[in-house]
C-alpha atoms as a PDB file:
ATOM      1  CA  MET A   1     -43.690 144.115  33.859  1.00  0.00           C
ATOM      2  CA  ARG A   2     -40.132 144.482  35.515  1.00  0.00           C
ATOM      3  CA  THR A   3     -38.403 141.767  36.452  1.00  0.00           C
ATOM      4  CA  GLY A   4     -35.812 142.875  39.486  1.00  0.00           C
ATOM      5  CA  LEU A   5     -32.888 144.944  37.224  1.00  0.00           C
ATOM      6  CA  GLY A   6     -34.546 144.888  34.412  1.00  0.00           C
ATOM      7  CA  ARG A   7     -33.158 142.156  32.321  1.00  0.00           C
ATOM      8  CA  HIS A   8     -34.501 138.790  32.759  1.00  0.00           C
ATOM      9  CA  PRO A   9     -36.067 136.612  35.548  1.00  0.00           C
ATOM     10  CA  PRO A  10     -33.885 135.033  38.631  1.00  0.00           C
ATOM     11  CA  THR A  11     -32.806 131.758  38.013  1.00  0.00           C
ATOM     12  CA  SER A  12     -32.356 129.027  40.164  1.00  0.00           C
ATOM     13  CA  TYR A  13     -29.807 127.424  41.592  1.00  0.00           C
ATOM     14  CA  VAL A  14     -28.437 124.282  43.937  1.00  0.00           C
ATOM     15  CA  CYS A  15     -26.189 125.496  46.835  1.00  0.00           C
ATOM     16  CA  ASN A  16     -22.899 124.044  46.596  1.00  0.00           C
ATOM     17  CA  TYR A  17     -22.683 123.997  50.389  1.00  0.00           C
ATOM     18  CA  CYS A  18     -26.019 122.658  52.140  1.00  0.00           C
ATOM     19  CA  GLY A  19     -27.757 121.648  48.827  1.00  0.00           C
ATOM     20  CA  LYS A  20     -30.457 124.330  49.177  1.00  0.00           C
ATOM     21  CA  LEU A  21     -33.048 125.769  46.240  1.00  0.00           C
ATOM     22  CA  PHE A  22     -32.093 129.282  45.807  1.00  0.00           C
ATOM     23  CA  LYS A  23     -33.334 132.210  42.893  1.00  0.00           C
ATOM     24  CA  SER A  24     -30.327 134.440  41.580  1.00  0.00           C
ATOM     25  CA  TYR A  25     -29.562 137.071  38.804  1.00  0.00           C
ATOM     26  CA  TYR A  26     -26.546 136.419  38.922  1.00  0.00           C
ATOM     27  CA  LYS A  27     -25.162 133.285  36.724  1.00  0.00           C
ATOM     28  CA  ASN A  28     -22.204 132.336  38.832  1.00  0.00           C
ATOM     29  CA  ARG A  29     -23.574 132.047  42.145  1.00  0.00           C
ATOM     30  CA  LYS A  30     -22.208 129.146  43.646  1.00  0.00           C
ATOM     31  CA  PHE A  31     -23.659 129.565  47.533  1.00  0.00           C
ATOM     32  CA  CYS A  32     -27.337 130.740  48.650  1.00  0.00           C
ATOM     33  CA  SER A  33     -25.938 132.882  51.564  1.00  0.00           C
ATOM     34  CA  ARG A  34     -22.822 134.362  52.713  1.00  0.00           C
ATOM     35  CA  ALA A  35     -22.476 131.835  55.462  1.00  0.00           C
ATOM     36  CA  CYS A  36     -22.615 128.821  53.160  1.00  0.00           C
ATOM     37  CA  THR A  37     -20.229 131.050  51.078  1.00  0.00           C
ATOM     38  CA  GLY A  38     -17.340 130.716  54.060  1.00  0.00           C
ATOM     39  CA  LYS A  39     -18.651 127.150  54.965  1.00  0.00           C
ATOM     40  CA  GLY A  40     -17.838 125.836  51.509  1.00  0.00           C
ATOM     41  CA  LYS A  41     -14.785 127.377  50.589  1.00  0.00           C
ATOM     42  CA  SER A  42     -13.380 126.826  53.974  1.00  0.00           C
ATOM     43  CA  LEU A  43     -14.371 122.890  53.482  1.00  0.00           C
ATOM     44  CA  LYS A  44     -12.879 122.916  49.978  1.00  0.00           C
ATOM     45  CA  THR A  45     -15.876 121.463  48.631  1.00  0.00           C
ATOM     46  CA  GLN A  46     -14.033 121.117  45.116  1.00  0.00           C
ATOM     47  CA  VAL A  47     -13.159 117.886  44.156  1.00  0.00           C
ATOM     48  CA  GLY A  48      -8.871 117.102  45.128  1.00  0.00           C
ATOM     49  CA  GLY A  49      -6.675 119.245  46.963  1.00  0.00           C
ATOM     50  CA  ARG A  50      -3.149 119.642  47.195  1.00  0.00           C
ATOM     51  CA  VAL A  51      -1.108 116.658  46.310  1.00  0.00           C
ATOM     52  CA  ASP A  52       1.436 116.311  48.872  1.00  0.00           C
ATOM     53  CA  ASN A  53       5.598 116.970  47.543  1.00  0.00           C
ATOM     54  CA  ASN A  54       6.295 113.221  48.536  1.00  0.00           C
ATOM     55  CA  GLN A  55       3.387 111.322  47.217  1.00  0.00           C
ATOM     56  CA  LYS A  56       6.109 110.525  43.756  1.00  0.00           C
ATOM     57  CA  GLU A  57       8.196 109.316  45.677  1.00  0.00           C
ATOM     58  CA  ILE A  58       6.334 107.185  47.728  1.00  0.00           C
ATOM     59  CA  VAL A  59       4.176 105.853  45.035  1.00  0.00           C
ATOM     60  CA  SER A  60       7.610 104.999  42.519  1.00  0.00           C
ATOM     61  CA  ALA A  61       8.747 102.869  45.633  1.00  0.00           C
ATOM     62  CA  LEU A  62       5.537 101.055  46.298  1.00  0.00           C
ATOM     63  CA  GLU A  63       5.500 100.280  42.248  1.00  0.00           C
ATOM     64  CA  ALA A  64       9.488  99.187  42.666  1.00  0.00           C
ATOM     65  CA  VAL A  65       8.676  96.104  45.186  1.00  0.00           C
ATOM     66  CA  GLY A  66       5.581  95.086  42.944  1.00  0.00           C
ATOM     67  CA  ALA A  67       3.136  97.188  44.280  1.00  0.00           C
ATOM     68  CA  THR A  68      -0.291  98.341  42.118  1.00  0.00           C
ATOM     69  CA  VAL A  69      -0.703 102.275  43.187  1.00  0.00           C
ATOM     70  CA  LEU A  70      -4.210 104.360  41.979  1.00  0.00           C
ATOM     71  CA  VAL A  71      -3.968 107.505  42.741  1.00  0.00           C
ATOM     72  CA  ALA A  72      -7.672 108.221  44.235  1.00  0.00           C
ATOM     73  CA  GLY A  73      -7.406 111.732  45.743  1.00  0.00           C
ATOM     74  CA  LYS A  74      -9.597 113.116  43.543  1.00  0.00           C
ATOM     75  CA  VAL A  75     -12.173 110.807  43.511  1.00  0.00           C
ATOM     76  CA  CYS A  76     -14.436 112.181  46.180  1.00  0.00           C
ATOM     77  CA  LYS A  77     -13.705 114.445  49.062  1.00  0.00           C
ATOM     78  CA  GLY A  78     -11.362 113.625  51.981  1.00  0.00           C
ATOM     79  CA  PHE A  79     -10.818 109.783  49.988  1.00  0.00           C
ATOM     80  CA  PRO A  80      -7.160 108.420  50.712  1.00  0.00           C
ATOM     81  CA  ASP A  81      -4.576 109.751  48.332  1.00  0.00           C
ATOM     82  CA  LEU A  82      -3.232 106.149  47.532  1.00  0.00           C
ATOM     83  CA  ILE A  83      -5.309 102.352  46.607  1.00  0.00           C
ATOM     84  CA  VAL A  84      -2.150 100.030  46.662  1.00  0.00           C
ATOM     85  CA  GLY A  85      -2.898  96.333  45.987  1.00  0.00           C
ATOM     86  CA  TYR A  86       0.264  94.431  47.241  1.00  0.00           C
ATOM     87  CA  ARG A  87       0.344  90.332  47.427  1.00  0.00           C
ATOM     88  CA  GLY A  88      -3.772  89.976  47.017  1.00  0.00           C
ATOM     89  CA  VAL A  89      -4.113  93.007  50.080  1.00  0.00           C
ATOM     90  CA  ASN A  90      -5.600  96.299  49.294  1.00  0.00           C
ATOM     91  CA  TYR A  91      -4.518  99.182  51.373  1.00  0.00           C
ATOM     92  CA  LEU A  92      -5.896 102.672  51.617  1.00  0.00           C
ATOM     93  CA  LEU A  93      -2.730 105.284  52.006  1.00  0.00           C
ATOM     94  CA  GLU A  94      -3.563 108.706  52.914  1.00  0.00           C
ATOM     95  CA  ILE A  95      -0.341 110.853  52.778  1.00  0.00           C
ATOM     96  CA  LYS A  96       0.756 113.715  54.658  1.00  0.00           C
ATOM     97  CA  ASN A  97       4.174 115.000  54.097  1.00  0.00           C
ATOM     98  CA  PRO A  98       5.633 116.759  57.709  1.00  0.00           C
ATOM     99  CA  ALA A  99       8.069 118.859  55.829  1.00  0.00           C
ATOM    100  CA  THR A 100       4.933 121.453  55.043  1.00  0.00           C
ATOM    101  CA  TRP A 101       2.720 123.372  57.083  1.00  0.00           C
ATOM    102  CA  TYR A 102      -0.060 121.875  55.428  1.00  0.00           C
ATOM    103  CA  GLY A 103       0.993 118.601  55.758  1.00  0.00           C
ATOM    104  CA  ARG A 104       1.805 118.941  59.622  1.00  0.00           C
ATOM    105  CA  ARG A 105      -1.610 120.182  60.326  1.00  0.00           C
ATOM    106  CA  GLY A 106      -2.930 116.725  60.063  1.00  0.00           C
ATOM    107  CA  LEU A 107      -6.131 115.858  58.207  1.00  0.00           C
ATOM    108  CA  ASN A 108      -8.536 118.005  56.587  1.00  0.00           C
ATOM    109  CA  PRO A 109     -11.969 118.561  57.774  1.00  0.00           C
ATOM    110  CA  ASN A 110     -13.113 116.640  55.194  1.00  0.00           C
ATOM    111  CA  GLN A 111     -10.647 113.398  55.111  1.00  0.00           C
ATOM    112  CA  ILE A 112     -11.650 113.483  59.153  1.00  0.00           C
ATOM    113  CA  ASP A 113     -15.399 113.145  57.926  1.00  0.00           C
ATOM    114  CA  TRP A 114     -14.437 110.710  54.976  1.00  0.00           C
ATOM    115  CA  HIS A 115     -12.120 108.958  57.292  1.00  0.00           C
ATOM    116  CA  ALA A 116     -14.944 108.307  60.368  1.00  0.00           C
ATOM    117  CA  GLY A 117     -17.251 106.697  58.370  1.00  0.00           C
ATOM    118  CA  TRP A 118     -15.138 103.879  56.636  1.00  0.00           C
ATOM    119  CA  LYS A 119     -15.244 100.796  58.207  1.00  0.00           C
ATOM    120  CA  GLY A 120     -11.883  99.911  57.268  1.00  0.00           C
ATOM    121  CA  PRO A 121      -8.534 100.305  58.144  1.00  0.00           C
ATOM    122  CA  ILE A 122      -6.732 103.674  56.742  1.00  0.00           C
ATOM    123  CA  ALA A 123      -2.744 104.544  57.006  1.00  0.00           C
ATOM    124  CA  ILE A 124      -1.669 107.996  57.226  1.00  0.00           C
ATOM    125  CA  VAL A 125       1.796 107.901  56.213  1.00  0.00           C
ATOM    126  CA  THR A 126       4.759 110.389  55.604  1.00  0.00           C
ATOM    127  CA  CYS A 127       7.296 108.690  53.920  1.00  0.00           C
ATOM    128  CA  VAL A 128       8.052 106.139  51.700  1.00  0.00           C
ATOM    129  CA  GLN A 129       9.708 103.451  55.071  1.00  0.00           C
ATOM    130  CA  GLN A 130       5.867 103.668  56.290  1.00  0.00           C
ATOM    131  CA  ALA A 131       4.312 102.773  53.431  1.00  0.00           C
ATOM    132  CA  LEU A 132       6.737  99.845  52.762  1.00  0.00           C
ATOM    133  CA  THR A 133       5.852  98.787  56.259  1.00  0.00           C
ATOM    134  CA  VAL A 134       2.052  98.944  55.953  1.00  0.00           C
ATOM    135  CA  ILE A 135       1.600  97.034  53.062  1.00  0.00           C
ATOM    136  CA  GLY A 136       4.377  94.444  55.000  1.00  0.00           C
ATOM    137  CA  ALA A 137       7.162  94.909  52.244  1.00  0.00           C
ATOM    138  CA  LEU A 138       9.765  95.989  55.010  1.00  0.00           C
ATOM    139  CA  ARG A 139       9.646  94.347  58.061  1.00  0.00           C
END
């Protein structure tokens, strides 16, 4: 009995974009179609994206005033970059670097979706002064 390419029967996989079950002879397939491949790659379906160049400076300044900082950008797609605890209050901070094209562009599609579904406040900061003002360390 011939099975497609003559090697082995096709294996079932789940599409990384739409979640649909599909069969393929190729073990490296991640998407069910070209449409899902294009959409999936444009949304950066992997967890965690770019780290802004100013993140280290902002984290250092927050820790210097006594805040606890958890770098959390890789928790899930679109999750804010930092969780900051200061004087008994938690803050979610999304860092953007206006010095780069990517930072000036604003929120990516994953971030827009995540922020829209979140019922609490999320602050978008671009510098140390903004981050310290958000948590109340600067007035």
